[in-house]
PDB file of N, CA and C in Angstrom:
ATOM      1  N   MET A   1     162.935 -41.017  91.127  1.00  0.00           N
ATOM      2  CA  MET A   1     161.647 -40.263  90.668  1.00  0.00           C
ATOM      3  C   MET A   1     161.644 -39.205  89.585  1.00  0.00           C
ATOM      4  N   LYS A   2     163.017 -38.167  89.572  1.00  0.00           N
ATOM      5  CA  LYS A   2     162.452 -37.414  88.718  1.00  0.00           C
ATOM      6  C   LYS A   2     162.459 -37.561  87.646  1.00  0.00           C
ATOM      7  N   LYS A   3     162.974 -38.643  87.274  1.00  0.00           N
ATOM      8  CA  LYS A   3     163.122 -39.555  85.459  1.00  0.00           C
ATOM      9  C   LYS A   3     161.203 -39.569  85.090  1.00  0.00           C
ATOM     10  N   THR A   4     160.709 -39.578  86.114  1.00  0.00           N
ATOM     11  CA  THR A   4     159.832 -40.849  86.279  1.00  0.00           C
ATOM     12  C   THR A   4     158.508 -39.388  86.123  1.00  0.00           C
ATOM     13  N   ILE A   5     158.994 -38.421  87.104  1.00  0.00           N
ATOM     14  CA  ILE A   5     157.858 -37.247  86.430  1.00  0.00           C
ATOM     15  C   ILE A   5     158.093 -37.009  84.869  1.00  0.00           C
ATOM     16  N   PHE A   6     159.745 -36.405  84.141  1.00  0.00           N
ATOM     17  CA  PHE A   6     160.147 -36.004  83.228  1.00  0.00           C
ATOM     18  C   PHE A   6     159.226 -36.211  82.158  1.00  0.00           C
ATOM     19  N   LEU A   7     158.991 -38.163  82.606  1.00  0.00           N
ATOM     20  CA  LEU A   7     158.659 -38.854  81.442  1.00  0.00           C
ATOM     21  C   LEU A   7     157.054 -38.796  81.223  1.00  0.00           C
ATOM     22  N   ALA A   8     156.340 -38.083  82.263  1.00  0.00           N
ATOM     23  CA  ALA A   8     155.181 -38.396  82.664  1.00  0.00           C
ATOM     24  C   ALA A   8     154.971 -36.754  82.021  1.00  0.00           C
ATOM     25  N   TRP A   9     155.344 -35.730  81.857  1.00  0.00           N
ATOM     26  CA  TRP A   9     155.444 -34.408  81.249  1.00  0.00           C
ATOM     27  C   TRP A   9     155.906 -35.509  80.050  1.00  0.00           C
ATOM     28  N   GLY A  10     156.836 -36.158  79.669  1.00  0.00           N
ATOM     29  CA  GLY A  10     157.474 -35.599  77.416  1.00  0.00           C
ATOM     30  C   GLY A  10     156.054 -36.782  77.459  1.00  0.00           C
ATOM     31  N   ALA A  11     155.333 -37.576  78.416  1.00  0.00           N
ATOM     32  CA  ALA A  11     154.179 -38.141  77.411  1.00  0.00           C
ATOM     33  C   ALA A  11     152.778 -37.038  77.582  1.00  0.00           C
ATOM     34  N   ALA A  12     152.708 -36.611  78.445  1.00  0.00           N
ATOM     35  CA  ALA A  12     151.559 -35.316  78.411  1.00  0.00           C
ATOM     36  C   ALA A  12     151.947 -34.582  76.757  1.00  0.00           C
ATOM     37  N   ALA A  13     153.054 -34.313  76.965  1.00  0.00           N
ATOM     38  CA  ALA A  13     152.950 -33.518  75.966  1.00  0.00           C
ATOM     39  C   ALA A  13     152.900 -34.194  74.645  1.00  0.00           C
ATOM     40  N   LEU A  14     153.386 -35.008  74.829  1.00  0.00           N
ATOM     41  CA  LEU A  14     153.323 -35.922  73.172  1.00  0.00           C
ATOM     42  C   LEU A  14     151.722 -36.326  72.587  1.00  0.00           C
ATOM     43  N   VAL A  15     150.770 -36.116  73.846  1.00  0.00           N
ATOM     44  CA  VAL A  15     149.394 -36.488  73.716  1.00  0.00           C
ATOM     45  C   VAL A  15     148.703 -35.305  72.603  1.00  0.00           C
ATOM     46  N   ALA A  16     149.190 -34.704  74.186  1.00  0.00           N
ATOM     47  CA  ALA A  16     148.577 -33.013  73.408  1.00  0.00           C
ATOM     48  C   ALA A  16     149.384 -33.028  72.633  1.00  0.00           C
ATOM     49  N   CYS A  17     149.922 -33.169  71.656  1.00  0.00           N
ATOM     50  CA  CYS A  17     150.870 -32.528  69.957  1.00  0.00           C
ATOM     51  C   CYS A  17     149.522 -33.156  69.715  1.00  0.00           C
ATOM     52  N   SER A  18     149.483 -34.709  69.955  1.00  0.00           N
ATOM     53  CA  SER A  18     149.123 -35.313  68.959  1.00  0.00           C
ATOM     54  C   SER A  18     147.358 -34.694  68.755  1.00  0.00           C
ATOM     55  N   LEU A  19     146.819 -35.048  69.705  1.00  0.00           N
ATOM     56  CA  LEU A  19     145.521 -34.246  69.709  1.00  0.00           C
ATOM     57  C   LEU A  19     145.128 -33.639  68.564  1.00  0.00           C
ATOM     58  N   ALA A  20     146.406 -32.169  69.021  1.00  0.00           N
ATOM     59  CA  ALA A  20     145.877 -31.004  68.907  1.00  0.00           C
ATOM     60  C   ALA A  20     145.996 -30.873  67.098  1.00  0.00           C
ATOM     61  N   SER A  21     146.739 -31.630  66.796  1.00  0.00           N
ATOM     62  CA  SER A  21     147.167 -31.701  65.108  1.00  0.00           C
ATOM     63  C   SER A  21     146.442 -32.644  64.624  1.00  0.00           C
ATOM     64  N   ALA A  22     145.599 -33.843  65.426  1.00  0.00           N
ATOM     65  CA  ALA A  22     144.249 -34.525  64.514  1.00  0.00           C
ATOM     66  C   ALA A  22     143.616 -34.231  64.687  1.00  0.00           C
ATOM     67  N   GLN A  23     143.033 -32.660  64.551  1.00  0.00           N
ATOM     68  CA  GLN A  23     141.845 -31.711  64.499  1.00  0.00           C
ATOM     69  C   GLN A  23     141.634 -31.982  62.759  1.00  0.00           C
ATOM     70  N   ALA A  24     140.156 -32.168  62.461  1.00  0.00           N
ATOM     71  CA  ALA A  24     139.545 -32.317  61.661  1.00  0.00           C
ATOM     72  C   ALA A  24     139.944 -31.949  59.858  1.00  0.00           C
ATOM     73  N   PRO A  25     140.457 -32.270  58.890  1.00  0.00           N
ATOM     74  CA  PRO A  25     140.863 -30.915  57.959  1.00  0.00           C
ATOM     75  C   PRO A  25     139.797 -30.019  57.501  1.00  0.00           C
ATOM     76  N   VAL A  26     140.066 -28.721  57.252  1.00  0.00           N
ATOM     77  CA  VAL A  26     138.765 -27.544  56.716  1.00  0.00           C
ATOM     78  C   VAL A  26     138.439 -28.557  55.795  1.00  0.00           C
ATOM     79  N   ALA A  27     136.821 -28.460  55.616  1.00  0.00           N
ATOM     80  CA  ALA A  27     136.064 -29.207  53.995  1.00  0.00           C
ATOM     81  C   ALA A  27     136.388 -27.628  53.072  1.00  0.00           C
ATOM     82  N   PRO A  28     136.887 -28.287  51.735  1.00  0.00           N
ATOM     83  CA  PRO A  28     136.904 -27.699  50.198  1.00  0.00           C
ATOM     84  C   PRO A  28     134.818 -26.691  50.587  1.00  0.00           C
ATOM     85  N   PRO A  29     134.796 -25.816  50.265  1.00  0.00           N
ATOM     86  CA  PRO A  29     134.293 -24.804  50.003  1.00  0.00           C
ATOM     87  C   PRO A  29     132.939 -25.970  49.095  1.00  0.00           C
ATOM     88  N   PRO A  30     131.310 -25.627  49.162  1.00  0.00           N
ATOM     89  CA  PRO A  30     130.926 -27.080  48.797  1.00  0.00           C
ATOM     90  C   PRO A  30     130.691 -26.213  47.529  1.00  0.00           C
ATOM     91  N   ALA A  31     129.983 -27.567  47.301  1.00  0.00           N
ATOM     92  CA  ALA A  31     129.779 -28.001  45.834  1.00  0.00           C
ATOM     93  C   ALA A  31     129.297 -26.838  44.696  1.00  0.00           C
ATOM     94  N   ASP A  32     127.970 -26.403  45.571  1.00  0.00           N
ATOM     95  CA  ASP A  32     127.566 -25.323  44.599  1.00  0.00           C
ATOM     96  C   ASP A  32     127.077 -23.711  44.599  1.00  0.00           C
ATOM     97  N   THR A  33     129.362 -23.777  44.887  1.00  0.00           N
ATOM     98  CA  THR A  33     129.206 -22.648  44.913  1.00  0.00           C
ATOM     99  C   THR A  33     129.448 -21.815  43.058  1.00  0.00           C
ATOM    100  N   GLU A  34     129.354 -22.754  42.479  1.00  0.00           N
ATOM    101  CA  GLU A  34     129.499 -22.742  41.130  1.00  0.00           C
ATOM    102  C   GLU A  34     128.478 -21.564  40.399  1.00  0.00           C
ATOM    103  N   GLY A  35     126.956 -21.551  41.196  1.00  0.00           N
ATOM    104  CA  GLY A  35     126.267 -20.170  41.029  1.00  0.00           C
ATOM    105  C   GLY A  35     126.645 -18.913  41.657  1.00  0.00           C
ATOM    106  N   LEU A  36     127.066 -19.283  42.803  1.00  0.00           N
ATOM    107  CA  LEU A  36     127.847 -17.741  42.916  1.00  0.00           C
ATOM    108  C   LEU A  36     129.200 -17.216  42.453  1.00  0.00           C
ATOM    109  N   SER A  37     128.958 -15.399  42.640  1.00  0.00           N
ATOM    110  CA  SER A  37     130.193 -14.138  42.491  1.00  0.00           C
ATOM    111  C   SER A  37     130.941 -15.377  42.914  1.00  0.00           C
ATOM    112  N   LYS A  38     132.153 -14.399  42.163  1.00  0.00           N
ATOM    113  CA  LYS A  38     133.540 -14.770  42.444  1.00  0.00           C
ATOM    114  C   LYS A  38     133.826 -14.342  43.866  1.00  0.00           C
ATOM    115  N   GLY A  39     133.136 -13.175  44.649  1.00  0.00           N
ATOM    116  CA  GLY A  39     133.264 -12.582  45.407  1.00  0.00           C
ATOM    117  C   GLY A  39     133.054 -13.602  46.876  1.00  0.00           C
ATOM    118  N   GLU A  40     131.701 -14.315  46.295  1.00  0.00           N
ATOM    119  CA  GLU A  40     131.381 -14.958  47.338  1.00  0.00           C
ATOM    120  C   GLU A  40     131.567 -16.506  47.337  1.00  0.00           C
ATOM    121  N   ALA A  41     132.178 -16.647  46.761  1.00  0.00           N
ATOM    122  CA  ALA A  41     133.185 -18.076  46.382  1.00  0.00           C
ATOM    123  C   ALA A  41     133.892 -18.050  46.965  1.00  0.00           C
ATOM    124  N   LYS A  42     135.243 -16.527  47.506  1.00  0.00           N
ATOM    125  CA  LYS A  42     136.190 -16.052  47.524  1.00  0.00           C
ATOM    126  C   LYS A  42     135.940 -16.329  49.187  1.00  0.00           C
ATOM    127  N   ALA A  43     134.422 -15.661  49.396  1.00  0.00           N
ATOM    128  CA  ALA A  43     134.608 -15.049  51.299  1.00  0.00           C
ATOM    129  C   ALA A  43     133.908 -16.903  52.064  1.00  0.00           C
ATOM    130  N   ILE A  44     134.386 -17.520  50.719  1.00  0.00           N
ATOM    131  CA  ILE A  44     132.822 -18.986  51.529  1.00  0.00           C
ATOM    132  C   ILE A  44     134.587 -19.093  51.743  1.00  0.00           C
ATOM    133  N   ARG A  45     135.825 -19.409  51.392  1.00  0.00           N
ATOM    134  CA  ARG A  45     137.359 -19.994  51.191  1.00  0.00           C
ATOM    135  C   ARG A  45     137.296 -18.887  52.181  1.00  0.00           C
ATOM    136  N   GLU A  46     137.763 -17.611  52.543  1.00  0.00           N
ATOM    137  CA  GLU A  46     138.429 -17.269  53.245  1.00  0.00           C
ATOM    138  C   GLU A  46     137.666 -17.270  54.905  1.00  0.00           C
ATOM    139  N   PHE A  47     136.571 -18.214  55.212  1.00  0.00           N
ATOM    140  CA  PHE A  47     135.774 -17.822  56.248  1.00  0.00           C
ATOM    141  C   PHE A  47     136.496 -19.958  56.725  1.00  0.00           C
ATOM    142  N   LYS A  48     135.939 -20.429  55.364  1.00  0.00           N
ATOM    143  CA  LYS A  48     136.200 -22.241  56.080  1.00  0.00           C
ATOM    144  C   LYS A  48     138.352 -21.468  56.539  1.00  0.00           C
ATOM    145  N   MET A  49     138.922 -20.603  55.716  1.00  0.00           N
ATOM    146  CA  MET A  49     140.559 -20.937  56.709  1.00  0.00           C
ATOM    147  C   MET A  49     141.057 -20.497  58.056  1.00  0.00           C
ATOM    148  N   LEU A  50     139.709 -19.536  58.173  1.00  0.00           N
ATOM    149  CA  LEU A  50     139.684 -18.920  58.998  1.00  0.00           C
ATOM    150  C   LEU A  50     139.012 -19.597  60.652  1.00  0.00           C
ATOM    151  N   ASP A  51     138.120 -20.582  59.816  1.00  0.00           N
ATOM    152  CA  ASP A  51     137.786 -21.465  61.113  1.00  0.00           C
ATOM    153  C   ASP A  51     138.991 -22.809  61.112  1.00  0.00           C
ATOM    154  N   PHE A  52     139.560 -22.188  61.941  1.00  0.00           N
ATOM    155  CA  PHE A  52     140.722 -23.009  61.696  1.00  0.00           C
ATOM    156  C   PHE A  52     139.771 -24.671  62.590  1.00  0.00           C
ATOM    157  N   ASN A  53     139.451 -24.931  64.051  1.00  0.00           N
ATOM    158  CA  ASN A  53     138.446 -25.662  64.278  1.00  0.00           C
ATOM    159  C   ASN A  53     137.740 -26.964  63.312  1.00  0.00           C
ATOM    160  N   GLY A  54     137.287 -25.795  62.384  1.00  0.00           N
ATOM    161  CA  GLY A  54     135.991 -26.241  60.882  1.00  0.00           C
ATOM    162  C   GLY A  54     134.456 -26.536  61.797  1.00  0.00           C
ATOM    163  N   ASP A  55     134.147 -25.825  63.303  1.00  0.00           N
ATOM    164  CA  ASP A  55     132.852 -25.918  63.893  1.00  0.00           C
ATOM    165  C   ASP A  55     131.628 -24.918  62.729  1.00  0.00           C
ATOM    166  N   GLY A  56     131.893 -24.334  62.200  1.00  0.00           N
ATOM    167  CA  GLY A  56     130.968 -23.693  61.314  1.00  0.00           C
ATOM    168  C   GLY A  56     130.859 -22.048  61.738  1.00  0.00           C
ATOM    169  N   LYS A  57     131.875 -22.082  63.035  1.00  0.00           N
ATOM    170  CA  LYS A  57     131.639 -20.451  63.598  1.00  0.00           C
ATOM    171  C   LYS A  57     132.984 -19.914  63.820  1.00  0.00           C
ATOM    172  N   LEU A  58     132.850 -18.535  63.561  1.00  0.00           N
ATOM    173  CA  LEU A  58     134.723 -18.102  63.957  1.00  0.00           C
ATOM    174  C   LEU A  58     134.504 -17.670  65.826  1.00  0.00           C
ATOM    175  N   SER A  59     135.600 -18.110  66.727  1.00  0.00           N
ATOM    176  CA  SER A  59     135.651 -17.323  67.331  1.00  0.00           C
ATOM    177  C   SER A  59     136.857 -16.336  67.701  1.00  0.00           C
ATOM    178  N   ARG A  60     136.506 -15.248  68.714  1.00  0.00           N
ATOM    179  CA  ARG A  60     137.441 -14.105  69.130  1.00  0.00           C
ATOM    180  C   ARG A  60     139.064 -14.675  68.152  1.00  0.00           C
ATOM    181  N   THR A  61     139.764 -16.122  68.569  1.00  0.00           N
ATOM    182  CA  THR A  61     140.644 -16.087  68.721  1.00  0.00           C
ATOM    183  C   THR A  61     141.204 -16.265  67.522  1.00  0.00           C
ATOM    184  N   GLU A  62     140.265 -17.065  65.965  1.00  0.00           N
ATOM    185  CA  GLU A  62     139.878 -17.647  65.043  1.00  0.00           C
ATOM    186  C   GLU A  62     140.208 -16.092  63.638  1.00  0.00           C
ATOM    187  N   VAL A  63     139.669 -15.337  64.208  1.00  0.00           N
ATOM    188  CA  VAL A  63     139.716 -13.908  63.576  1.00  0.00           C
ATOM    189  C   VAL A  63     140.611 -12.453  64.087  1.00  0.00           C
ATOM    190  N   LYS A  64     141.862 -13.083  65.213  1.00  0.00           N
ATOM    191  CA  LYS A  64     142.293 -11.802  64.948  1.00  0.00           C
ATOM    192  C   LYS A  64     143.343 -11.773  63.767  1.00  0.00           C
ATOM    193  N   LEU A  65     143.646 -12.650  63.057  1.00  0.00           N
ATOM    194  CA  LEU A  65     144.729 -12.558  61.437  1.00  0.00           C
ATOM    195  C   LEU A  65     143.693 -11.408  60.708  1.00  0.00           C
ATOM    196  N   PHE A  66     142.640 -11.722  60.278  1.00  0.00           N
ATOM    197  CA  PHE A  66     141.392 -10.526  59.915  1.00  0.00           C
ATOM    198  C   PHE A  66     141.246  -9.118  60.940  1.00  0.00           C
ATOM    199  N   PRO A  67     142.054  -8.214  61.002  1.00  0.00           N
ATOM    200  CA  PRO A  67     142.173  -7.378  61.967  1.00  0.00           C
ATOM    201  C   PRO A  67     140.380  -6.694  61.978  1.00  0.00           C
ATOM    202  N   ARG A  68     140.622  -6.553  61.027  1.00  0.00           N
ATOM    203  CA  ARG A  68     139.160  -5.973  60.789  1.00  0.00           C
ATOM    204  C   ARG A  68     137.378  -6.358  61.095  1.00  0.00           C
ATOM    205  N   LEU A  69     137.179  -8.013  60.571  1.00  0.00           N
ATOM    206  CA  LEU A  69     136.230  -8.181  61.852  1.00  0.00           C
ATOM    207  C   LEU A  69     137.074  -8.566  63.644  1.00  0.00           C
ATOM    208  N   ALA A  70     138.238  -8.964  63.641  1.00  0.00           N
ATOM    209  CA  ALA A  70     138.791  -8.884  64.941  1.00  0.00           C
ATOM    210  C   ALA A  70     138.246  -7.572  65.475  1.00  0.00           C
ATOM    211  N   ASN A  71     138.444  -6.046  64.972  1.00  0.00           N
ATOM    212  CA  ASN A  71     138.216  -5.280  65.415  1.00  0.00           C
ATOM    213  C   ASN A  71     136.579  -4.757  65.744  1.00  0.00           C
ATOM    214  N   ALA A  72     135.559  -5.966  65.059  1.00  0.00           N
ATOM    215  CA  ALA A  72     134.205  -5.561  64.785  1.00  0.00           C
ATOM    216  C   ALA A  72     133.454  -7.311  65.216  1.00  0.00           C
ATOM    217  N   PHE A  73     134.129  -7.855  66.504  1.00  0.00           N
ATOM    218  CA  PHE A  73     133.651  -8.092  65.985  1.00  0.00           C
ATOM    219  C   PHE A  73     132.541  -8.627  67.501  1.00  0.00           C
ATOM    220  N   ASP A  74     132.483  -7.677  68.263  1.00  0.00           N
ATOM    221  CA  ASP A  74     130.993  -7.112  68.542  1.00  0.00           C
ATOM    222  C   ASP A  74     129.962  -7.478  68.191  1.00  0.00           C
ATOM    223  N   GLU A  75     130.331  -6.347  67.239  1.00  0.00           N
ATOM    224  CA  GLU A  75     129.565  -5.812  66.449  1.00  0.00           C
ATOM    225  C   GLU A  75     128.622  -6.808  65.271  1.00  0.00           C
ATOM    226  N   ALA A  76     129.749  -7.845  64.600  1.00  0.00           N
ATOM    227  CA  ALA A  76     129.382  -9.008  63.847  1.00  0.00           C
ATOM    228  C   ALA A  76     128.452  -9.407  64.216  1.00  0.00           C
ATOM    229  N   ASP A  77     128.595 -10.082  66.310  1.00  0.00           N
ATOM    230  CA  ASP A  77     128.168 -11.225  67.084  1.00  0.00           C
ATOM    231  C   ASP A  77     126.911 -10.336  66.945  1.00  0.00           C
ATOM    232  N   THR A  78     126.246 -11.210  65.914  1.00  0.00           N
ATOM    233  CA  THR A  78     124.767 -10.168  66.379  1.00  0.00           C
ATOM    234  C   THR A  78     123.546 -11.123  67.422  1.00  0.00           C
ATOM    235  N   ASP A  79     124.062 -11.974  67.726  1.00  0.00           N
ATOM    236  CA  ASP A  79     123.331 -13.281  68.475  1.00  0.00           C
ATOM    237  C   ASP A  79     123.872 -13.052  69.855  1.00  0.00           C
ATOM    238  N   HIS A  80     125.308 -12.397  70.005  1.00  0.00           N
ATOM    239  CA  HIS A  80     125.574 -13.044  71.241  1.00  0.00           C
ATOM    240  C   HIS A  80     126.458 -14.082  71.844  1.00  0.00           C
ATOM    241  N   ASP A  81     126.676 -14.816  70.687  1.00  0.00           N
ATOM    242  CA  ASP A  81     126.610 -15.956  71.695  1.00  0.00           C
ATOM    243  C   ASP A  81     128.416 -16.156  71.406  1.00  0.00           C
ATOM    244  N   GLY A  82     129.153 -14.969  71.249  1.00  0.00           N
ATOM    245  CA  GLY A  82     130.792 -15.440  71.147  1.00  0.00           C
ATOM    246  C   GLY A  82     131.049 -15.340  70.379  1.00  0.00           C
ATOM    247  N   PHE A  83     130.564 -16.020  69.197  1.00  0.00           N
ATOM    248  CA  PHE A  83     131.224 -16.609  67.960  1.00  0.00           C
ATOM    249  C   PHE A  83     130.072 -15.929  66.845  1.00  0.00           C
ATOM    250  N   VAL A  84     131.084 -16.080  65.494  1.00  0.00           N
ATOM    251  CA  VAL A  84     130.386 -15.516  64.705  1.00  0.00           C
ATOM    252  C   VAL A  84     130.506 -16.600  63.137  1.00  0.00           C
ATOM    253  N   SER A  85     128.289 -16.130  62.888  1.00  0.00           N
ATOM    254  CA  SER A  85     128.807 -17.890  61.998  1.00  0.00           C
ATOM    255  C   SER A  85     128.936 -16.713  60.383  1.00  0.00           C
ATOM    256  N   TYR A  86     128.993 -18.161  59.970  1.00  0.00           N
ATOM    257  CA  TYR A  86     129.018 -17.054  58.670  1.00  0.00           C
ATOM    258  C   TYR A  86     127.587 -15.806  58.091  1.00  0.00           C
ATOM    259  N   GLU A  87     126.864 -16.563  58.003  1.00  0.00           N
ATOM    260  CA  GLU A  87     125.720 -15.676  58.070  1.00  0.00           C
ATOM    261  C   GLU A  87     126.404 -14.155  58.395  1.00  0.00           C
ATOM    262  N   GLU A  88     126.777 -14.184  59.447  1.00  0.00           N
ATOM    263  CA  GLU A  88     126.544 -12.933  60.439  1.00  0.00           C
ATOM    264  C   GLU A  88     128.292 -11.913  60.108  1.00  0.00           C
ATOM    265  N   VAL A  89     129.417 -13.113  59.495  1.00  0.00           N
ATOM    266  CA  VAL A  89     130.203 -12.314  59.153  1.00  0.00           C
ATOM    267  C   VAL A  89     129.334 -11.439  57.040  1.00  0.00           C
ATOM    268  N   ARG A  90     128.536 -12.551  56.547  1.00  0.00           N
ATOM    269  CA  ARG A  90     127.857 -11.944  55.355  1.00  0.00           C
ATOM    270  C   ARG A  90     127.138 -10.802  55.736  1.00  0.00           C
ATOM    271  N   ALA A  91     126.661 -10.474  56.887  1.00  0.00           N
ATOM    272  CA  ALA A  91     125.128  -9.111  57.279  1.00  0.00           C
ATOM    273  C   ALA A  91     126.946  -7.896  58.134  1.00  0.00           C
ATOM    274  N   PHE A  92     127.843  -8.038  58.357  1.00  0.00           N
ATOM    275  CA  PHE A  92     128.475  -7.808  58.618  1.00  0.00           C
ATOM    276  C   PHE A  92     129.640  -6.458  57.359  1.00  0.00           C
ATOM    277  N   ALA A  93     129.964  -7.964  56.501  1.00  0.00           N
ATOM    278  CA  ALA A  93     130.684  -7.634  54.846  1.00  0.00           C
ATOM    279  C   ALA A  93     129.433  -6.413  54.122  1.00  0.00           C
ATOM    280  N   ALA A  94     128.126  -6.898  53.981  1.00  0.00           N
ATOM    281  CA  ALA A  94     127.120  -5.979  53.232  1.00  0.00           C
ATOM    282  C   ALA A  94     126.909  -4.353  53.852  1.00  0.00           C
ATOM    283  N   LYS A  95     127.304  -4.140  54.946  1.00  0.00           N
ATOM    284  CA  LYS A  95     127.048  -3.461  56.446  1.00  0.00           C
ATOM    285  C   LYS A  95     128.325  -2.007  55.826  1.00  0.00           C
ATOM    286  N   TYR A  96     129.103  -3.310  56.148  1.00  0.00           N
ATOM    287  CA  TYR A  96     130.826  -2.826  56.108  1.00  0.00           C
ATOM    288  C   TYR A  96     130.796  -1.568  54.346  1.00  0.00           C
ATOM    289  N   ARG A  97     130.319  -2.760  53.309  1.00  0.00           N
ATOM    290  CA  ARG A  97     130.486  -1.781  52.003  1.00  0.00           C
ATOM    291  C   ARG A  97     129.376  -1.080  51.218  1.00  0.00           C
ATOM    292  N   ALA A  98     128.032  -0.608  52.494  1.00  0.00           N
ATOM    293  CA  ALA A  98     126.924   0.376  52.039  1.00  0.00           C
ATOM    294  C   ALA A  98     127.524   1.195  52.790  1.00  0.00           C
ATOM    295  N   GLU A  99     128.435   1.803  54.155  1.00  0.00           N
ATOM    296  CA  GLU A  99     128.654   3.005  54.275  1.00  0.00           C
ATOM    297  C   GLU A  99     130.023   2.642  53.735  1.00  0.00           C
ATOM    298  N   ARG A 100     130.933   2.155  53.209  1.00  0.00           N
ATOM    299  CA  ARG A 100     131.818   2.029  52.177  1.00  0.00           C
ATOM    300  C   ARG A 100     131.583   3.231  50.951  1.00  0.00           C
ATOM    301  N   ASP A 101     130.589   2.569  50.682  1.00  0.00           N
ATOM    302  CA  ASP A 101     129.886   2.990  48.888  1.00  0.00           C
ATOM    303  C   ASP A 101     129.633   4.365  49.661  1.00  0.00           C
ATOM    304  N   ARG A 102     128.350   4.392  50.245  1.00  0.00           N
ATOM    305  CA  ARG A 102     127.524   5.882  51.574  1.00  0.00           C
ATOM    306  C   ARG A 102     129.025   7.166  51.268  1.00  0.00           C
ATOM    307  N   ALA A 103     129.997   6.599  51.397  1.00  0.00           N
ATOM    308  CA  ALA A 103     131.053   7.912  52.150  1.00  0.00           C
ATOM    309  C   ALA A 103     131.655   7.940  50.776  1.00  0.00           C
ATOM    310  N   LYS A 104     131.994   7.186  49.825  1.00  0.00           N
ATOM    311  CA  LYS A 104     133.263   7.439  48.572  1.00  0.00           C
ATOM    312  C   LYS A 104     131.341   8.065  48.444  1.00  0.00           C
ATOM    313  N   GLN A 105     130.082   8.010  47.648  1.00  0.00           N
ATOM    314  CA  GLN A 105     129.758   8.759  47.529  1.00  0.00           C
ATOM    315  C   GLN A 105     129.571  10.583  48.132  1.00  0.00           C
ATOM    316  N   GLN A 106     129.974  10.686  48.993  1.00  0.00           N
ATOM    317  CA  GLN A 106     130.293  12.104  50.067  1.00  0.00           C
ATOM    318  C   GLN A 106     130.933  12.638  49.431  1.00  0.00           C
ATOM    319  N   GLN A 107     132.090  12.094  49.542  1.00  0.00           N
ATOM    320  CA  GLN A 107     133.450  12.668  48.754  1.00  0.00           C
ATOM    321  C   GLN A 107     133.251  12.661  47.253  1.00  0.00           C
ATOM    322  N   ALA A 108     131.855  12.713  46.638  1.00  0.00           N
ATOM    323  CA  ALA A 108     132.098  13.568  44.672  1.00  0.00           C
ATOM    324  C   ALA A 108     132.112  13.916  44.601  1.00  0.00           C
ATOM    325  N   PRO A 109     132.691  14.707  43.979  1.00  0.00           N
ATOM    326  CA  PRO A 109     131.937  15.998  43.721  1.00  0.00           C
ATOM    327  C   PRO A 109     130.785  15.513  42.967  1.00  0.00           C
ATOM    328  N   ALA A 110     129.928  16.797  42.998  1.00  0.00           N
ATOM    329  CA  ALA A 110     128.797  15.882  42.661  1.00  0.00           C
ATOM    330  C   ALA A 110     128.333  16.758  40.838  1.00  0.00           C
ATOM    331  N   ALA A 111     128.698  16.384  39.486  1.00  0.00           N
ATOM    332  CA  ALA A 111     128.606  16.513  38.662  1.00  0.00           C
ATOM    333  C   ALA A 111     127.909  17.577  38.198  1.00  0.00           C
ATOM    334  N   PRO A 112     128.466  18.295  37.295  1.00  0.00           N
ATOM    335  CA  PRO A 112     127.821  19.872  36.624  1.00  0.00           C
ATOM    336  C   PRO A 112     126.340  19.193  35.771  1.00  0.00           C
ATOM    337  N   ALA A 113     125.568  20.190  36.231  1.00  0.00           N
ATOM    338  CA  ALA A 113     124.253  20.118  35.943  1.00  0.00           C
ATOM    339  C   ALA A 113     124.691  20.222  33.763  1.00  0.00           C
ATOM    340  N   PRO A 114     123.705  19.768  32.949  1.00  0.00           N
ATOM    341  CA  PRO A 114     124.024  19.586  31.538  1.00  0.00           C
ATOM    342  C   PRO A 114     123.841  21.079  30.969  1.00  0.00           C
ATOM    343  N   ALA A 115     124.253  21.953  30.538  1.00  0.00           N
ATOM    344  CA  ALA A 115     124.115  23.362  30.040  1.00  0.00           C
ATOM    345  C   ALA A 115     123.251  23.069  28.757  1.00  0.00           C
ATOM    346  N   ALA A 116     122.078  24.345  29.400  1.00  0.00           N
ATOM    347  CA  ALA A 116     120.642  23.780  27.624  1.00  0.00           C
ATOM    348  C   ALA A 116     121.008  24.833  27.125  1.00  0.00           C
ATOM    349  N   SER A 117     120.583  24.214  25.766  1.00  0.00           N
ATOM    350  CA  SER A 117     120.569  24.421  24.695  1.00  0.00           C
ATOM    351  C   SER A 117     119.092  25.356  24.585  1.00  0.00           C
ATOM    352  N   ALA A 118     119.761  26.891  23.800  1.00  0.00           N
ATOM    353  CA  ALA A 118     119.412  27.616  23.156  1.00  0.00           C
ATOM    354  C   ALA A 118     118.640  27.635  21.930  1.00  0.00           C
ATOM    355  N   PRO A 119     117.092  27.746  22.163  1.00  0.00           N
ATOM    356  CA  PRO A 119     116.409  27.774  20.676  1.00  0.00           C
ATOM    357  C   PRO A 119     116.769  28.251  20.144  1.00  0.00           C
TER     358      PRO A 119
END
């Protein structure tokens, strides 16, 4: 009896491992990335790398490897479906960059006014 239960658990574990490894491989970035900037092409590759199951969206579990997005998941998930699409990531990144640039401009000292020349 114990041997039968052990074999059943072993078979179940083997099937579970096979199903986990049978996930479809992540597709390479689309061929039309030629017209994109290096940053945009890199963003597509990174999105696909994080999208472990290849469903075209990121879950909370998938973004754990990217702390900035994991910490702001709810903010990035603008349609509140529990996932973050590539478009939502792009919008979040643009907002983050704009806030960062604004903070840099506020920290930068004002340039001195050019001296007026005497006539």
